[in-house]
C-alpha atoms as a PDB file:
ATOM      1  CA  MET A   1      13.123   8.916  51.538  1.00  0.00           C
ATOM      2  CA  SER A   2      10.230   9.891  49.351  1.00  0.00           C
ATOM      3  CA  LEU A   3       7.794  12.677  49.916  1.00  0.00           C
ATOM      4  CA  VAL A   4       4.434  13.166  47.841  1.00  0.00           C
ATOM      5  CA  PHE A   5       2.587  16.544  48.395  1.00  0.00           C
ATOM      6  CA  ALA A   6      -1.055  16.429  47.061  1.00  0.00           C
ATOM      7  CA  GLU A   7      -2.974  19.497  46.059  1.00  0.00           C
ATOM      8  CA  ASN A   8      -5.548  20.853  48.116  1.00  0.00           C
ATOM      9  CA  GLU A   9      -8.198  22.539  46.282  1.00  0.00           C
ATOM     10  CA  VAL A  10      -9.329  25.932  47.951  1.00  0.00           C
ATOM     11  CA  ARG A  11     -12.262  28.065  47.083  1.00  0.00           C
ATOM     12  CA  VAL A  12     -12.078  31.858  46.949  1.00  0.00           C
ATOM     13  CA  ASN A  13     -14.928  34.177  47.105  1.00  0.00           C
ATOM     14  CA  GLU A  14     -14.229  37.823  48.179  1.00  0.00           C
ATOM     15  CA  THR A  15     -15.408  41.221  47.703  1.00  0.00           C
ATOM     16  CA  VAL A  16     -12.825  43.388  45.417  1.00  0.00           C
ATOM     17  CA  SER A  17     -12.710  46.676  44.399  1.00  0.00           C
ATOM     18  CA  ALA A  18     -11.549  48.137  40.915  1.00  0.00           C
ATOM     19  CA  VAL A  19     -10.483  51.802  40.903  1.00  0.00           C
ATOM     20  CA  THR A  20      -9.380  54.097  38.048  1.00  0.00           C
ATOM     21  CA  GLY A  21      -6.130  56.158  38.967  1.00  0.00           C
ATOM     22  CA  LEU A  22      -4.750  53.283  41.321  1.00  0.00           C
ATOM     23  CA  GLU A  23      -1.404  52.294  40.066  1.00  0.00           C
ATOM     24  CA  THR A  24      -0.628  49.210  42.130  1.00  0.00           C
ATOM     25  CA  ILE A  25      -2.481  46.550  43.703  1.00  0.00           C
ATOM     26  CA  ASP A  26      -3.836  47.108  47.395  1.00  0.00           C
ATOM     27  CA  THR A  27      -3.589  43.573  48.802  1.00  0.00           C
ATOM     28  CA  ASP A  28      -4.612  44.646  52.213  1.00  0.00           C
ATOM     29  CA  GLU A  29      -7.683  46.472  50.932  1.00  0.00           C
ATOM     30  CA  LEU A  30      -8.215  43.970  48.069  1.00  0.00           C
ATOM     31  CA  LYS A  31      -8.282  46.866  45.344  1.00  0.00           C
ATOM     32  CA  ILE A  32      -6.815  46.645  41.854  1.00  0.00           C
ATOM     33  CA  PRO A  33      -6.284  49.111  39.304  1.00  0.00           C
ATOM     34  CA  ALA A  34      -9.141  49.647  36.630  1.00  0.00           C
ATOM     35  CA  ASN A  35      -8.735  50.918  33.069  1.00  0.00           C
ATOM     36  CA  LEU A  36     -11.312  53.357  31.834  1.00  0.00           C
ATOM     37  CA  LEU A  37     -11.809  52.607  27.918  1.00  0.00           C
ATOM     38  CA  SER A  38     -13.680  55.360  26.199  1.00  0.00           C
ATOM     39  CA  LYS A  39     -14.801  55.625  22.439  1.00  0.00           C
ATOM     40  CA  THR A  40     -16.837  58.127  20.602  1.00  0.00           C
ATOM     41  CA  SER A  41     -18.628  58.121  17.315  1.00  0.00           C
ATOM     42  CA  SER A  42     -21.264  59.749  15.435  1.00  0.00           C
ATOM     43  CA  ILE A  43     -24.186  58.377  13.072  1.00  0.00           C
ATOM     44  CA  GLN A  44     -26.558  59.997  10.805  1.00  0.00           C
ATOM     45  CA  LYS A  45     -30.135  58.473  10.059  1.00  0.00           C
ATOM     46  CA  GLU A  46     -32.906  59.520   7.471  1.00  0.00           C
ATOM     47  CA  GLY A  47     -36.537  59.570   8.431  1.00  0.00           C
ATOM     48  CA  ASP A  48     -39.818  60.026   6.455  1.00  0.00           C
ATOM     49  CA  ALA A  49     -42.243  62.545   7.872  1.00  0.00           C
ATOM     50  CA  THR A  50     -45.699  61.278   8.638  1.00  0.00           C
ATOM     51  CA  GLY A  51     -47.146  64.334  10.742  1.00  0.00           C
ATOM     52  CA  THR A  52     -49.926  66.680   9.319  1.00  0.00           C
ATOM     53  CA  GLY A  53     -50.031  70.429   9.461  1.00  0.00           C
ATOM     54  CA  GLN A  54     -51.209  73.396   7.448  1.00  0.00           C
ATOM     55  CA  SER A  55     -49.658  75.960   5.202  1.00  0.00           C
ATOM     56  CA  GLY A  56     -50.480  78.563   2.810  1.00  0.00           C
ATOM     57  CA  GLU A  57     -50.116  82.035   1.574  1.00  0.00           C
ATOM     58  CA  LYS A  58     -50.580  85.513   3.728  1.00  0.00           C
ATOM     59  CA  ALA A  59     -53.355  87.794   2.848  1.00  0.00           C
ATOM     60  CA  ARG A  60     -52.349  91.223   1.749  1.00  0.00           C
ATOM     61  CA  GLY A  61     -53.954  94.570   1.186  1.00  0.00           C
ATOM     62  CA  LEU A  62     -54.036  98.407   1.741  1.00  0.00           C
ATOM     63  CA  VAL A  63     -54.949 100.229   4.875  1.00  0.00           C
ATOM     64  CA  ASP A  64     -55.452 103.961   5.686  1.00  0.00           C
ATOM     65  CA  ILE A  65     -54.057 105.274   8.940  1.00  0.00           C
ATOM     66  CA  TYR A  66     -55.349 108.141  10.844  1.00  0.00           C
ATOM     67  CA  ASN A  67     -53.397 110.319  13.380  1.00  0.00           C
ATOM     68  CA  ASN A  68     -55.678 112.123  15.522  1.00  0.00           C
ATOM     69  CA  SER A  69     -52.942 113.432  17.954  1.00  0.00           C
ATOM     70  CA  ASP A  70     -51.483 116.693  18.145  1.00  0.00           C
ATOM     71  CA  ASP A  71     -47.995 115.543  16.980  1.00  0.00           C
ATOM     72  CA  GLY A  72     -46.642 113.634  13.919  1.00  0.00           C
ATOM     73  CA  ILE A  73     -46.114 109.916  14.467  1.00  0.00           C
ATOM     74  CA  THR A  74     -43.733 107.576  12.360  1.00  0.00           C
ATOM     75  CA  LEU A  75     -44.604 103.990  12.537  1.00  0.00           C
ATOM     76  CA  ALA A  76     -41.836 101.329  11.639  1.00  0.00           C
ATOM     77  CA  ASN A  77     -42.034  98.721   9.233  1.00  0.00           C
ATOM     78  CA  GLY A  78     -43.625  95.659  10.937  1.00  0.00           C
ATOM     79  CA  THR A  79     -45.787  97.658  13.260  1.00  0.00           C
ATOM     80  CA  THR A  80     -48.693  95.461  14.290  1.00  0.00           C
ATOM     81  CA  LEU A  81     -52.550  96.323  13.404  1.00  0.00           C
ATOM     82  CA  THR A  82     -55.093  94.344  15.365  1.00  0.00           C
ATOM     83  CA  ASN A  83     -58.639  93.825  13.646  1.00  0.00           C
ATOM     84  CA  ILE A  84     -61.135  95.151  16.139  1.00  0.00           C
ATOM     85  CA  SER A  85     -63.806  92.781  15.098  1.00  0.00           C
ATOM     86  CA  THR A  86     -61.923  89.423  14.758  1.00  0.00           C
ATOM     87  CA  ASP A  87     -58.675  90.139  16.839  1.00  0.00           C
ATOM     88  CA  LEU A  88     -56.627  88.983  14.015  1.00  0.00           C
ATOM     89  CA  LYS A  89     -53.205  90.537  13.624  1.00  0.00           C
ATOM     90  CA  TYR A  90     -51.669  92.173  10.627  1.00  0.00           C
ATOM     91  CA  VAL A  91     -48.308  94.222  10.109  1.00  0.00           C
ATOM     92  CA  ILE A  92     -47.542  97.269   7.793  1.00  0.00           C
ATOM     93  CA  THR A  93     -44.847  96.450   5.318  1.00  0.00           C
ATOM     94  CA  ARG A  94     -43.182  99.760   5.123  1.00  0.00           C
ATOM     95  CA  GLU A  95     -42.283 102.423   7.267  1.00  0.00           C
ATOM     96  CA  VAL A  96     -44.798 105.558   7.369  1.00  0.00           C
ATOM     97  CA  THR A  97     -44.915 109.019   8.899  1.00  0.00           C
ATOM     98  CA  ILE A  98     -48.427 110.414   9.505  1.00  0.00           C
ATOM     99  CA  PRO A  99     -48.802 114.138  10.152  1.00  0.00           C
ATOM    100  CA  ALA A 100     -50.647 115.579  13.228  1.00  0.00           C
ATOM    101  CA  GLY A 101     -54.242 115.587  12.573  1.00  0.00           C
ATOM    102  CA  ASP A 102     -53.971 114.002   9.175  1.00  0.00           C
ATOM    103  CA  ARG A 103     -53.920 110.349   7.507  1.00  0.00           C
ATOM    104  CA  VAL A 104     -52.014 108.486   5.035  1.00  0.00           C
ATOM    105  CA  GLU A 105     -53.837 106.229   2.588  1.00  0.00           C
ATOM    106  CA  ASP A 106     -52.961 103.124   0.955  1.00  0.00           C
ATOM    107  CA  VAL A 107     -50.315 101.823   3.318  1.00  0.00           C
ATOM    108  CA  PRO A 108     -49.656  98.182   2.368  1.00  0.00           C
ATOM    109  CA  MET A 109     -49.917  95.589   5.024  1.00  0.00           C
ATOM    110  CA  GLU A 110     -50.080  91.691   5.339  1.00  0.00           C
ATOM    111  CA  ALA A 111     -51.509  89.127   7.660  1.00  0.00           C
ATOM    112  CA  SER A 112     -49.338  88.021  10.654  1.00  0.00           C
ATOM    113  CA  SER A 113     -49.771  84.408   9.393  1.00  0.00           C
ATOM    114  CA  PHE A 114     -50.949  82.402   6.545  1.00  0.00           C
ATOM    115  CA  GLY A 115     -54.540  81.486   6.532  1.00  0.00           C
ATOM    116  CA  GLN A 116     -57.585  82.076   4.528  1.00  0.00           C
ATOM    117  CA  ASN A 117     -59.323  83.442   7.596  1.00  0.00           C
ATOM    118  CA  TYR A 118     -57.207  86.742   7.338  1.00  0.00           C
ATOM    119  CA  ASN A 119     -59.039  87.573   4.135  1.00  0.00           C
ATOM    120  CA  ILE A 120     -61.582  90.479   4.205  1.00  0.00           C
ATOM    121  CA  VAL A 121     -63.883  90.698   1.107  1.00  0.00           C
ATOM    122  CA  ASP A 122     -66.617  93.158   0.637  1.00  0.00           C
ATOM    123  CA  ASN A 123     -66.345  94.714   3.948  1.00  0.00           C
ATOM    124  CA  SER A 124     -64.312  97.412   5.729  1.00  0.00           C
ATOM    125  CA  ALA A 125     -62.655  96.969   8.869  1.00  0.00           C
ATOM    126  CA  ASP A 126     -61.059  99.187  11.681  1.00  0.00           C
ATOM    127  CA  TYR A 127     -57.781  98.481  13.327  1.00  0.00           C
ATOM    128  CA  VAL A 128     -55.842  99.148  16.659  1.00  0.00           C
ATOM    129  CA  VAL A 129     -52.294 100.337  15.958  1.00  0.00           C
ATOM    130  CA  ALA A 130     -49.768  98.884  18.471  1.00  0.00           C
ATOM    131  CA  GLY A 131     -48.695 101.490  20.961  1.00  0.00           C
ATOM    132  CA  TYR A 132     -51.615 103.831  20.539  1.00  0.00           C
ATOM    133  CA  ASN A 133     -55.284 103.895  21.560  1.00  0.00           C
ATOM    134  CA  THR A 134     -58.221 104.441  19.080  1.00  0.00           C
ATOM    135  CA  SER A 135     -58.497 108.297  20.074  1.00  0.00           C
ATOM    136  CA  GLN A 136     -54.938 108.827  19.094  1.00  0.00           C
ATOM    137  CA  MET A 137     -54.611 106.601  16.001  1.00  0.00           C
ATOM    138  CA  ILE A 138     -56.739 104.167  14.052  1.00  0.00           C
ATOM    139  CA  ALA A 139     -56.325 102.403  10.891  1.00  0.00           C
ATOM    140  CA  ARG A 140     -59.136 101.360   8.458  1.00  0.00           C
ATOM    141  CA  SER A 141     -59.479  99.261   5.359  1.00  0.00           C
ATOM    142  CA  PHE A 142     -62.159  99.909   2.767  1.00  0.00           C
ATOM    143  CA  ARG A 143     -60.851  97.584  -0.068  1.00  0.00           C
ATOM    144  CA  ASP A 144     -60.545  93.849  -0.001  1.00  0.00           C
ATOM    145  CA  ILE A 145     -57.780  92.196   2.011  1.00  0.00           C
ATOM    146  CA  GLU A 146     -57.208  89.100   0.130  1.00  0.00           C
ATOM    147  CA  GLY A 147     -54.920  86.137  -1.102  1.00  0.00           C
ATOM    148  CA  GLY A 148     -54.794  84.333   2.251  1.00  0.00           C
ATOM    149  CA  THR A 149     -54.873  80.503   1.675  1.00  0.00           C
ATOM    150  CA  THR A 150     -54.957  77.300   3.864  1.00  0.00           C
ATOM    151  CA  GLU A 151     -53.670  73.923   2.697  1.00  0.00           C
ATOM    152  CA  ASP A 152     -52.909  70.655   4.557  1.00  0.00           C
ATOM    153  CA  VAL A 153     -49.326  69.570   4.282  1.00  0.00           C
ATOM    154  CA  VAL A 154     -46.980  66.726   5.649  1.00  0.00           C
ATOM    155  CA  VAL A 155     -44.804  67.876   8.577  1.00  0.00           C
ATOM    156  CA  VAL A 156     -42.206  66.283  10.650  1.00  0.00           C
ATOM    157  CA  SER A 157     -43.869  65.393  14.002  1.00  0.00           C
ATOM    158  CA  GLN A 158     -41.954  65.136  17.349  1.00  0.00           C
ATOM    159  CA  GLU A 159     -42.931  61.369  17.129  1.00  0.00           C
ATOM    160  CA  ASP A 160     -41.003  60.890  13.830  1.00  0.00           C
ATOM    161  CA  ILE A 161     -37.826  62.521  15.391  1.00  0.00           C
ATOM    162  CA  ASP A 162     -38.020  60.410  18.377  1.00  0.00           C
ATOM    163  CA  ALA A 163     -38.418  57.097  16.376  1.00  0.00           C
ATOM    164  CA  VAL A 164     -35.621  57.766  14.051  1.00  0.00           C
ATOM    165  CA  LYS A 165     -33.485  58.946  17.188  1.00  0.00           C
ATOM    166  CA  ALA A 166     -34.114  55.711  18.830  1.00  0.00           C
ATOM    167  CA  THR A 167     -33.270  53.584  15.950  1.00  0.00           C
ATOM    168  CA  ALA A 168     -30.149  55.468  15.396  1.00  0.00           C
ATOM    169  CA  ILE A 169     -29.151  55.389  19.171  1.00  0.00           C
ATOM    170  CA  GLU A 170     -29.395  51.400  19.213  1.00  0.00           C
ATOM    171  CA  GLU A 171     -27.060  51.099  16.093  1.00  0.00           C
ATOM    172  CA  LEU A 172     -24.502  53.565  17.485  1.00  0.00           C
ATOM    173  CA  LYS A 173     -24.595  51.772  20.684  1.00  0.00           C
ATOM    174  CA  ARG A 174     -23.746  48.580  19.052  1.00  0.00           C
ATOM    175  CA  GLN A 175     -21.021  50.348  16.937  1.00  0.00           C
ATOM    176  CA  LEU A 176     -19.483  51.831  19.961  1.00  0.00           C
ATOM    177  CA  LEU A 177     -19.648  48.454  21.804  1.00  0.00           C
ATOM    178  CA  ASP A 178     -17.947  46.679  19.109  1.00  0.00           C
ATOM    179  CA  SER A 179     -15.463  49.439  19.159  1.00  0.00           C
ATOM    180  CA  VAL A 180     -14.666  49.070  22.798  1.00  0.00           C
ATOM    181  CA  ASN A 181     -14.411  45.285  22.573  1.00  0.00           C
ATOM    182  CA  GLY A 182     -11.694  45.793  19.981  1.00  0.00           C
ATOM    183  CA  LEU A 183      -9.711  47.630  22.458  1.00  0.00           C
ATOM    184  CA  ILE A 184      -9.943  44.600  24.978  1.00  0.00           C
ATOM    185  CA  SER A 185      -7.286  42.169  24.963  1.00  0.00           C
ATOM    186  CA  GLU A 186      -7.232  38.558  26.114  1.00  0.00           C
ATOM    187  CA  GLU A 187      -5.535  39.637  29.307  1.00  0.00           C
ATOM    188  CA  ASP A 188      -8.477  42.068  30.246  1.00  0.00           C
ATOM    189  CA  ILE A 189     -11.983  41.471  31.581  1.00  0.00           C
ATOM    190  CA  LEU A 190     -14.673  43.853  30.832  1.00  0.00           C
ATOM    191  CA  LEU A 191     -16.926  44.707  33.927  1.00  0.00           C
ATOM    192  CA  GLU A 192     -20.229  44.193  32.694  1.00  0.00           C
ATOM    193  CA  GLY A 193     -22.527  46.860  33.617  1.00  0.00           C
ATOM    194  CA  SER A 194     -19.732  49.380  33.655  1.00  0.00           C
ATOM    195  CA  GLN A 195     -20.571  50.541  30.184  1.00  0.00           C
ATOM    196  CA  THR A 196     -21.868  54.042  30.143  1.00  0.00           C
ATOM    197  CA  TYR A 197     -23.488  55.813  27.124  1.00  0.00           C
ATOM    198  CA  LYS A 198     -23.420  59.495  26.966  1.00  0.00           C
ATOM    199  CA  GLU A 199     -25.114  61.675  24.269  1.00  0.00           C
ATOM    200  CA  ASP A 200     -22.604  64.568  23.285  1.00  0.00           C
ATOM    201  CA  GLU A 201     -24.651  66.128  20.449  1.00  0.00           C
ATOM    202  CA  PHE A 202     -28.125  65.656  18.613  1.00  0.00           C
ATOM    203  CA  LYS A 203     -29.745  67.790  16.020  1.00  0.00           C
ATOM    204  CA  SER A 204     -32.590  67.249  13.371  1.00  0.00           C
ATOM    205  CA  SER A 205     -32.261  68.760   9.782  1.00  0.00           C
ATOM    206  CA  VAL A 206     -36.010  69.912  10.226  1.00  0.00           C
ATOM    207  CA  GLU A 207     -37.812  71.103  13.546  1.00  0.00           C
ATOM    208  CA  ALA A 208     -40.822  69.298  14.637  1.00  0.00           C
ATOM    209  CA  GLY A 209     -43.784  70.864  13.163  1.00  0.00           C
ATOM    210  CA  LYS A 210     -42.094  72.249   9.782  1.00  0.00           C
ATOM    211  CA  GLU A 211     -43.214  71.207   6.437  1.00  0.00           C
ATOM    212  CA  ALA A 212     -40.855  68.369   4.903  1.00  0.00           C
ATOM    213  CA  ASP A 213     -41.279  64.864   3.174  1.00  0.00           C
ATOM    214  CA  LYS A 214     -37.786  63.566   4.654  1.00  0.00           C
ATOM    215  CA  PHE A 215     -35.407  64.707   7.307  1.00  0.00           C
ATOM    216  CA  THR A 216     -32.292  63.456   8.840  1.00  0.00           C
ATOM    217  CA  VAL A 217     -30.956  63.203  12.581  1.00  0.00           C
ATOM    218  CA  ASP A 218     -27.251  63.574  13.538  1.00  0.00           C
ATOM    219  CA  ILE A 219     -26.166  61.875  16.961  1.00  0.00           C
ATOM    220  CA  LYS A 220     -22.716  61.881  18.721  1.00  0.00           C
ATOM    221  CA  MET A 221     -22.192  59.612  21.553  1.00  0.00           C
ATOM    222  CA  THR A 222     -19.220  58.358  23.888  1.00  0.00           C
ATOM    223  CA  LEU A 223     -19.263  55.008  25.562  1.00  0.00           C
ATOM    224  CA  SER A 224     -17.052  54.396  28.613  1.00  0.00           C
ATOM    225  CA  ALA A 225     -16.350  51.106  30.225  1.00  0.00           C
ATOM    226  CA  LEU A 226     -14.206  49.705  32.978  1.00  0.00           C
ATOM    227  CA  THR A 227     -11.646  46.717  32.462  1.00  0.00           C
ATOM    228  CA  VAL A 228      -9.438  45.009  34.712  1.00  0.00           C
ATOM    229  CA  LEU A 229      -6.265  42.608  34.142  1.00  0.00           C
ATOM    230  CA  LYS A 230      -6.805  39.020  34.876  1.00  0.00           C
ATOM    231  CA  SER A 231      -3.332  38.715  36.361  1.00  0.00           C
ATOM    232  CA  ASP A 232      -4.280  41.289  39.043  1.00  0.00           C
ATOM    233  CA  LEU A 233      -7.530  39.235  39.933  1.00  0.00           C
ATOM    234  CA  SER A 234      -5.153  36.115  40.173  1.00  0.00           C
ATOM    235  CA  THR A 235      -3.033  38.087  42.530  1.00  0.00           C
ATOM    236  CA  VAL A 236      -5.638  38.876  44.650  1.00  0.00           C
ATOM    237  CA  ALA A 237      -6.991  35.571  44.783  1.00  0.00           C
ATOM    238  CA  GLU A 238      -3.599  34.132  45.628  1.00  0.00           C
ATOM    239  CA  GLU A 239      -3.323  36.894  48.509  1.00  0.00           C
ATOM    240  CA  VAL A 240      -6.547  35.552  49.946  1.00  0.00           C
ATOM    241  CA  VAL A 241      -5.335  32.093  50.019  1.00  0.00           C
ATOM    242  CA  LYS A 242      -2.122  33.050  51.593  1.00  0.00           C
ATOM    243  CA  ARG A 243      -3.861  34.591  54.357  1.00  0.00           C
ATOM    244  CA  ASN A 244      -4.595  31.140  55.590  1.00  0.00           C
ATOM    245  CA  ASP A 245      -1.896  30.028  57.860  1.00  0.00           C
ATOM    246  CA  SER A 246      -2.012  26.482  56.683  1.00  0.00           C
ATOM    247  CA  SER A 247      -0.994  27.806  53.197  1.00  0.00           C
ATOM    248  CA  GLU A 248       2.096  29.432  54.076  1.00  0.00           C
ATOM    249  CA  GLY A 249       5.152  28.350  52.270  1.00  0.00           C
ATOM    250  CA  ALA A 250       2.878  26.484  49.824  1.00  0.00           C
ATOM    251  CA  SER A 251       2.773  26.881  46.085  1.00  0.00           C
ATOM    252  CA  ILE A 252      -0.455  28.189  45.036  1.00  0.00           C
ATOM    253  CA  SER A 253      -2.320  27.867  41.544  1.00  0.00           C
ATOM    254  CA  VAL A 254      -5.402  29.915  40.704  1.00  0.00           C
ATOM    255  CA  THR A 255      -7.567  29.160  37.884  1.00  0.00           C
ATOM    256  CA  ASP A 256      -9.219  31.479  35.651  1.00  0.00           C
ATOM    257  CA  PRO A 257     -11.115  33.946  38.320  1.00  0.00           C
ATOM    258  CA  ILE A 258     -14.847  34.823  37.850  1.00  0.00           C
ATOM    259  CA  VAL A 259     -16.291  38.312  38.467  1.00  0.00           C
ATOM    260  CA  ARG A 260     -20.022  38.678  39.329  1.00  0.00           C
ATOM    261  CA  ASP A 261     -22.325  40.910  41.202  1.00  0.00           C
ATOM    262  CA  ILE A 262     -20.826  43.980  39.743  1.00  0.00           C
ATOM    263  CA  SER A 263     -21.680  47.450  41.288  1.00  0.00           C
ATOM    264  CA  ILE A 264     -20.470  50.872  39.495  1.00  0.00           C
ATOM    265  CA  SER A 265     -20.195  53.960  41.190  1.00  0.00           C
ATOM    266  CA  ASP A 266     -22.228  56.986  40.128  1.00  0.00           C
ATOM    267  CA  ASP A 267     -19.196  58.683  38.318  1.00  0.00           C
ATOM    268  CA  GLY A 268     -18.374  55.344  36.562  1.00  0.00           C
ATOM    269  CA  ARG A 269     -14.833  55.258  37.785  1.00  0.00           C
ATOM    270  CA  GLN A 270     -15.100  52.640  40.397  1.00  0.00           C
ATOM    271  CA  ALA A 271     -16.542  48.952  40.557  1.00  0.00           C
ATOM    272  CA  THR A 272     -16.906  46.670  43.538  1.00  0.00           C
ATOM    273  CA  PHE A 273     -17.754  42.982  42.732  1.00  0.00           C
ATOM    274  CA  SER A 274     -17.574  39.586  44.080  1.00  0.00           C
ATOM    275  CA  LEU A 275     -14.470  37.522  42.904  1.00  0.00           C
ATOM    276  CA  SER A 276     -14.707  33.847  42.940  1.00  0.00           C
ATOM    277  CA  SER A 277     -12.144  31.224  41.842  1.00  0.00           C
ATOM    278  CA  LYS A 278     -10.613  27.932  42.537  1.00  0.00           C
ATOM    279  CA  ALA A 279      -7.005  27.628  43.796  1.00  0.00           C
ATOM    280  CA  GLY A 280      -4.812  24.558  43.941  1.00  0.00           C
ATOM    281  CA  VAL A 281      -2.519  24.521  47.176  1.00  0.00           C
ATOM    282  CA  THR A 282       0.199  22.406  47.241  1.00  0.00           C
ATOM    283  CA  ALA A 283       2.138  22.153  50.575  1.00  0.00           C
ATOM    284  CA  ASP A 284       5.853  22.078  50.612  1.00  0.00           C
ATOM    285  CA  LEU A 285       8.694  21.998  53.144  1.00  0.00           C
ATOM    286  CA  ASP A 286      12.310  23.132  53.565  1.00  0.00           C
ATOM    287  CA  GLU A 287      14.627  20.220  52.956  1.00  0.00           C
ATOM    288  CA  ALA A 288      17.647  21.496  55.011  1.00  0.00           C
ATOM    289  CA  GLN A 289      15.051  21.855  57.966  1.00  0.00           C
ATOM    290  CA  LEU A 290      13.529  18.526  57.575  1.00  0.00           C
ATOM    291  CA  LYS A 291      17.082  16.902  57.568  1.00  0.00           C
ATOM    292  CA  GLU A 292      17.829  19.058  60.876  1.00  0.00           C
ATOM    293  CA  THR A 293      14.720  17.717  62.543  1.00  0.00           C
ATOM    294  CA  ILE A 294      15.217  14.059  61.701  1.00  0.00           C
ATOM    295  CA  ALA A 295      18.871  13.488  61.933  1.00  0.00           C
ATOM    296  CA  GLY A 296      20.020  10.942  64.491  1.00  0.00           C
ATOM    297  CA  VAL A 297      16.319   9.866  65.441  1.00  0.00           C
ATOM    298  CA  SER A 298      14.962   6.341  64.862  1.00  0.00           C
ATOM    299  CA  VAL A 299      13.341   5.448  61.488  1.00  0.00           C
ATOM    300  CA  ALA A 300      10.234   5.045  63.574  1.00  0.00           C
ATOM    301  CA  GLU A 301      10.362   8.588  65.049  1.00  0.00           C
ATOM    302  CA  ALA A 302      11.220   9.908  61.613  1.00  0.00           C
ATOM    303  CA  ARG A 303       7.977   8.150  60.233  1.00  0.00           C
ATOM    304  CA  GLU A 304       5.928   9.468  63.190  1.00  0.00           C
ATOM    305  CA  TYR A 305       7.206  13.086  62.398  1.00  0.00           C
ATOM    306  CA  LEU A 306       6.523  12.785  58.624  1.00  0.00           C
ATOM    307  CA  ASP A 307       2.867  11.628  59.240  1.00  0.00           C
ATOM    308  CA  SER A 308       2.335  14.891  61.399  1.00  0.00           C
ATOM    309  CA  ILE A 309       3.246  17.213  58.337  1.00  0.00           C
ATOM    310  CA  ASP A 310       0.196  18.896  56.864  1.00  0.00           C
ATOM    311  CA  GLY A 311      -0.373  18.558  53.112  1.00  0.00           C
ATOM    312  CA  LEU A 312       1.985  15.441  52.872  1.00  0.00           C
ATOM    313  CA  ASP A 313      -0.201  13.043  51.262  1.00  0.00           C
ATOM    314  CA  ASP A 314       2.278   9.994  51.321  1.00  0.00           C
ATOM    315  CA  PHE A 315       5.860   9.125  52.117  1.00  0.00           C
ATOM    316  CA  SER A 316       8.209   6.175  52.198  1.00  0.00           C
ATOM    317  CA  VAL A 317      11.639   5.802  54.172  1.00  0.00           C
ATOM    318  CA  ARG A 318      14.068   3.289  52.724  1.00  0.00           C
ATOM    319  CA  TYR A 319      16.875   2.408  55.047  1.00  0.00           C
ATOM    320  CA  SER A 320      20.324   1.245  53.732  1.00  0.00           C
ATOM    321  CA  PRO A 321      21.829  -1.370  54.352  1.00  0.00           C
ATOM    322  CA  ILE A 322      18.469  -3.133  54.234  1.00  0.00           C
ATOM    323  CA  TYR A 323      19.784  -6.234  56.643  1.00  0.00           C
ATOM    324  CA  ILE A 324      20.058  -3.777  59.593  1.00  0.00           C
ATOM    325  CA  PRO A 325      16.819  -4.724  62.036  1.00  0.00           C
ATOM    326  CA  PHE A 326      14.136  -2.218  61.928  1.00  0.00           C
ATOM    327  CA  PHE A 327      14.160  -1.536  65.640  1.00  0.00           C
ATOM    328  CA  LEU A 328      17.929  -0.424  65.189  1.00  0.00           C
ATOM    329  CA  GLN A 329      17.671   1.533  61.944  1.00  0.00           C
ATOM    330  CA  ARG A 330      18.242   5.371  62.706  1.00  0.00           C
ATOM    331  CA  ILE A 331      18.367   8.272  60.560  1.00  0.00           C
ATOM    332  CA  PRO A 332      21.897   9.437  59.811  1.00  0.00           C
ATOM    333  CA  SER A 333      23.204  12.527  61.655  1.00  0.00           C
ATOM    334  CA  ASP A 334      25.148  13.412  58.523  1.00  0.00           C
ATOM    335  CA  HIS A 335      22.965  15.361  56.563  1.00  0.00           C
ATOM    336  CA  GLY A 336      24.627  14.406  53.509  1.00  0.00           C
ATOM    337  CA  LYS A 337      23.834  10.683  53.889  1.00  0.00           C
ATOM    338  CA  ILE A 338      19.875  11.839  54.002  1.00  0.00           C
ATOM    339  CA  THR A 339      18.418  11.829  50.385  1.00  0.00           C
ATOM    340  CA  VAL A 340      15.042  13.391  50.192  1.00  0.00           C
ATOM    341  CA  GLU A 341      13.008  13.119  46.904  1.00  0.00           C
ATOM    342  CA  LYS A 342       9.806  15.225  46.531  1.00  0.00           C
ATOM    343  CA  SER A 343       6.805  14.786  44.134  1.00  0.00           C
ATOM    344  CA  PHE A 344       3.715  16.831  43.688  1.00  0.00           C
ATOM    345  CA  GLU A 345       0.181  15.638  42.708  1.00  0.00           C
ATOM    346  CA  THR A 346      -2.195  18.174  41.221  1.00  0.00           C
ATOM    347  CA  THR A 347      -5.802  17.898  41.532  1.00  0.00           C
ATOM    348  CA  ALA A 348      -7.468  16.655  38.264  1.00  0.00           C
ATOM    349  CA  GLU A 349      -9.992  19.054  36.438  1.00  0.00           C
ATOM    350  CA  GLU A 350     -13.500  18.555  36.910  1.00  0.00           C
END
């Protein structure tokens, strides 16, 4: 007898999880191992400064300091003097000791910042000494405080830094993605959406607001991504098909699985997705069991039994010698005299 088994196409559509740290496939929970790839790289980019700011020289001059207290007082280098009229601040540029009830003349001082507004020309000024009230100590200038200047300069703006950083990040991301893709073999599938970029380091050679014509930014980033094995996806798809009772004992052929609707956990170490595939299921039967079932029955009964087998697309029974009338033809009781030929037809690719 000749038996023809036809392939039956089954569609698979299941939710599957891929987990890092999982060593083997969990067919009960439909979980497969995930491989966490990681690549770190850095880049440096130069930018032009476009911001505007001001710079200049500090005003300098001499001041007399009066000690009206009963004790000698020592003022450290850098002690602040505040102009009573303008509230602008200056600092002395050397340590000075003023005896009780006395004064020290021509103590050098300079403005706390650049600017021509710190200049005092053709006028005297009184100053509050930091840490003391004017009844204890006071400073006075009688000669010009001059040399302060203000000029417009080009500075690095925060917008300049942000723009160059954004360009550098995009270029670095492309480089990292190319590097990670180079780690993926033909046996792997990258889970799209699992790519996570982490900024490890960032620095600018010039701070925002500082004078410069050009500056550079340095960025270091790490890209992490999840991959799974195609063979693991096929194994899961086969397992889903096997759960169908009608496929028990059949051969299963799974086409390339498709992964979609990927969801990544917050820590980036697990993915859940929809797995879809087509599987060709070809029924089969145990030859010894078939012979045991049909041995000794009539050919008509054997045909009726064969016709009831799921997955058997076609069959033919040839009886020898052929001159025996059909109603007398019976399947031999001797299994050795029963010849079974099986063939399998696959579904044509769309």
